[in-house]
Amino acid sequence: MGKVRYNFFISGLVQGVCFRAATCSEANQYKVFGWVRNLADGRVEVMAEGDRESVAKLIEFCKHGPLGARVDRVEVKEEEYLGEFSNFIIKYRF
């Protein structure tokens, strides 16, 4: 199973509903590495690296998010795998 890297952007009601914390928890469960952060425009951004199947599970989670979230759109962009992360963190600055 190959390693992949995806950058994705989640739009909708995704800030103020524990989206980052829930995404971090899911990423740790699937052994996906990278980060999640809020954007100034109201979206959430995720950078994720790991096994293709594991990252796909994280993307599927982000299509609905935690209770209280309303996801309108998930934009996914595959990038070159770099293997630069050793954990998954929440970034607190835009």
C-alpha atoms as a PDB file:
ATOM      1  CA  MET A   1       0.000   0.000   0.000  1.00  0.00           C
ATOM      2  CA  GLY A   2       1.537   3.301  -1.099  1.00  0.00           C
ATOM      3  CA  LYS A   3       1.984   6.448   0.921  1.00  0.00           C
ATOM      4  CA  VAL A   4       0.089   9.562  -0.146  1.00  0.00           C
ATOM      5  CA  ARG A   5      -0.196  13.229   0.736  1.00  0.00           C
ATOM      6  CA  TYR A   6      -3.398  15.232   0.379  1.00  0.00           C
ATOM      7  CA  ASN A   7      -4.231  18.848   1.124  1.00  0.00           C
ATOM      8  CA  PHE A   8      -7.931  19.435   1.570  1.00  0.00           C
ATOM      9  CA  PHE A   9     -10.243  22.310   2.358  1.00  0.00           C
ATOM     10  CA  ILE A  10     -13.590  21.904   4.119  1.00  0.00           C
ATOM     11  CA  SER A  11     -16.325  24.524   3.685  1.00  0.00           C
ATOM     12  CA  GLY A  12     -19.573  25.009   5.592  1.00  0.00           C
ATOM     13  CA  LEU A  13     -20.238  25.360   9.299  1.00  0.00           C
ATOM     14  CA  VAL A  14     -16.872  23.923  10.288  1.00  0.00           C
ATOM     15  CA  GLN A  15     -15.462  26.399  12.817  1.00  0.00           C
ATOM     16  CA  GLY A  16     -16.667  26.571  16.404  1.00  0.00           C
ATOM     17  CA  VAL A  17     -17.925  22.962  16.327  1.00  0.00           C
ATOM     18  CA  CYS A  18     -14.737  21.107  17.419  1.00  0.00           C
ATOM     19  CA  PHE A  19     -13.922  20.181  13.813  1.00  0.00           C
ATOM     20  CA  ARG A  20     -10.155  20.442  14.334  1.00  0.00           C
ATOM     21  CA  ALA A  21     -10.160  18.372  17.526  1.00  0.00           C
ATOM     22  CA  ALA A  22     -12.368  15.685  15.969  1.00  0.00           C
ATOM     23  CA  THR A  23     -10.207  15.591  12.838  1.00  0.00           C
ATOM     24  CA  CYS A  24      -7.069  15.243  14.950  1.00  0.00           C
ATOM     25  CA  SER A  25      -8.637  12.382  16.894  1.00  0.00           C
ATOM     26  CA  GLU A  26      -9.674  10.597  13.693  1.00  0.00           C
ATOM     27  CA  ALA A  27      -6.221  11.103  12.146  1.00  0.00           C
ATOM     28  CA  ASN A  28      -4.551   9.605  15.208  1.00  0.00           C
ATOM     29  CA  GLN A  29      -6.942   6.642  15.096  1.00  0.00           C
ATOM     30  CA  TYR A  30      -6.024   5.991  11.433  1.00  0.00           C
ATOM     31  CA  LYS A  31      -2.296   6.724  11.933  1.00  0.00           C
ATOM     32  CA  VAL A  32      -2.388   9.672   9.542  1.00  0.00           C
ATOM     33  CA  PHE A  33       0.215  12.402  10.043  1.00  0.00           C
ATOM     34  CA  GLY A  34       0.054  16.122   9.308  1.00  0.00           C
ATOM     35  CA  TRP A  35      -2.051  18.994  10.616  1.00  0.00           C
ATOM     36  CA  VAL A  36      -5.419  20.743  10.669  1.00  0.00           C
ATOM     37  CA  ARG A  37      -6.125  24.469  11.004  1.00  0.00           C
ATOM     38  CA  ASN A  38      -8.876  27.058  10.708  1.00  0.00           C
ATOM     39  CA  LEU A  39      -8.617  29.544   7.861  1.00  0.00           C
ATOM     40  CA  ALA A  40      -9.572  33.217   8.086  1.00  0.00           C
ATOM     41  CA  ASP A  41     -12.274  32.696   5.427  1.00  0.00           C
ATOM     42  CA  GLY A  42     -14.191  30.216   7.636  1.00  0.00           C
ATOM     43  CA  ARG A  43     -12.906  27.005   6.072  1.00  0.00           C
ATOM     44  CA  VAL A  44     -10.790  24.292   7.672  1.00  0.00           C
ATOM     45  CA  GLU A  45      -7.586  23.121   5.972  1.00  0.00           C
ATOM     46  CA  VAL A  46      -6.012  19.697   6.435  1.00  0.00           C
ATOM     47  CA  MET A  47      -2.605  18.416   5.301  1.00  0.00           C
ATOM     48  CA  ALA A  48      -2.494  14.647   5.634  1.00  0.00           C
ATOM     49  CA  GLU A  49       0.107  11.979   4.881  1.00  0.00           C
ATOM     50  CA  GLY A  50      -0.101   8.235   5.334  1.00  0.00           C
ATOM     51  CA  ASP A  51      -1.317   5.034   3.735  1.00  0.00           C
ATOM     52  CA  ARG A  52      -3.785   5.674   0.910  1.00  0.00           C
ATOM     53  CA  GLU A  53      -6.588   3.788   2.686  1.00  0.00           C
ATOM     54  CA  SER A  54      -6.039   5.622   5.982  1.00  0.00           C
ATOM     55  CA  VAL A  55      -6.006   9.070   4.385  1.00  0.00           C
ATOM     56  CA  ALA A  56      -9.140   8.136   2.424  1.00  0.00           C
ATOM     57  CA  LYS A  57     -10.874   7.340   5.737  1.00  0.00           C
ATOM     58  CA  LEU A  58      -9.903  10.758   7.089  1.00  0.00           C
ATOM     59  CA  ILE A  59     -11.257  12.446   3.965  1.00  0.00           C
ATOM     60  CA  GLU A  60     -14.531  10.523   4.376  1.00  0.00           C
ATOM     61  CA  PHE A  61     -14.778  11.717   7.987  1.00  0.00           C
ATOM     62  CA  CYS A  62     -14.248  15.313   6.847  1.00  0.00           C
ATOM     63  CA  LYS A  63     -17.188  15.016   4.438  1.00  0.00           C
ATOM     64  CA  HIS A  64     -19.538  15.081   7.462  1.00  0.00           C
ATOM     65  CA  GLY A  65     -17.352  16.114  10.419  1.00  0.00           C
ATOM     66  CA  PRO A  66     -18.346  15.973  14.082  1.00  0.00           C
ATOM     67  CA  LEU A  67     -21.826  16.521  15.488  1.00  0.00           C
ATOM     68  CA  GLY A  68     -22.806  20.153  15.042  1.00  0.00           C
ATOM     69  CA  ALA A  69     -20.847  20.605  11.818  1.00  0.00           C
ATOM     70  CA  ARG A  70     -22.434  21.138   8.421  1.00  0.00           C
ATOM     71  CA  VAL A  71     -20.070  20.322   5.584  1.00  0.00           C
ATOM     72  CA  ASP A  72     -20.992  21.895   2.251  1.00  0.00           C
ATOM     73  CA  ARG A  73     -17.876  21.011   0.284  1.00  0.00           C
ATOM     74  CA  VAL A  74     -14.545  19.219   0.544  1.00  0.00           C
ATOM     75  CA  GLU A  75     -11.891  20.156  -2.003  1.00  0.00           C
ATOM     76  CA  VAL A  76      -9.122  17.554  -2.197  1.00  0.00           C
ATOM     77  CA  LYS A  77      -5.773  17.971  -3.896  1.00  0.00           C
ATOM     78  CA  GLU A  78      -3.169  15.209  -4.083  1.00  0.00           C
ATOM     79  CA  GLU A  79       0.428  16.310  -3.639  1.00  0.00           C
ATOM     80  CA  GLU A  80       3.793  14.606  -3.744  1.00  0.00           C
ATOM     81  CA  TYR A  81       4.362  12.447  -0.654  1.00  0.00           C
ATOM     82  CA  LEU A  82       7.206  13.921   1.425  1.00  0.00           C
ATOM     83  CA  GLY A  83       7.049  11.950   4.676  1.00  0.00           C
ATOM     84  CA  GLU A  84       7.762  15.110   6.636  1.00  0.00           C
ATOM     85  CA  PHE A  85       5.377  14.552   9.566  1.00  0.00           C
ATOM     86  CA  SER A  86       5.739  12.286  12.610  1.00  0.00           C
ATOM     87  CA  ASN A  87       2.371  13.093  14.234  1.00  0.00           C
ATOM     88  CA  PHE A  88      -0.897  14.951  13.620  1.00  0.00           C
ATOM     89  CA  ILE A  89      -1.374  18.355  15.236  1.00  0.00           C
ATOM     90  CA  ILE A  90      -3.826  21.214  15.448  1.00  0.00           C
ATOM     91  CA  LYS A  91      -2.388  24.498  14.206  1.00  0.00           C
ATOM     92  CA  TYR A  92      -3.816  27.456  16.089  1.00  0.00           C
ATOM     93  CA  ARG A  93      -2.808  30.343  13.812  1.00  0.00           C
ATOM     94  CA  PHE A  94      -4.099  31.220  10.349  1.00  0.00           C
END
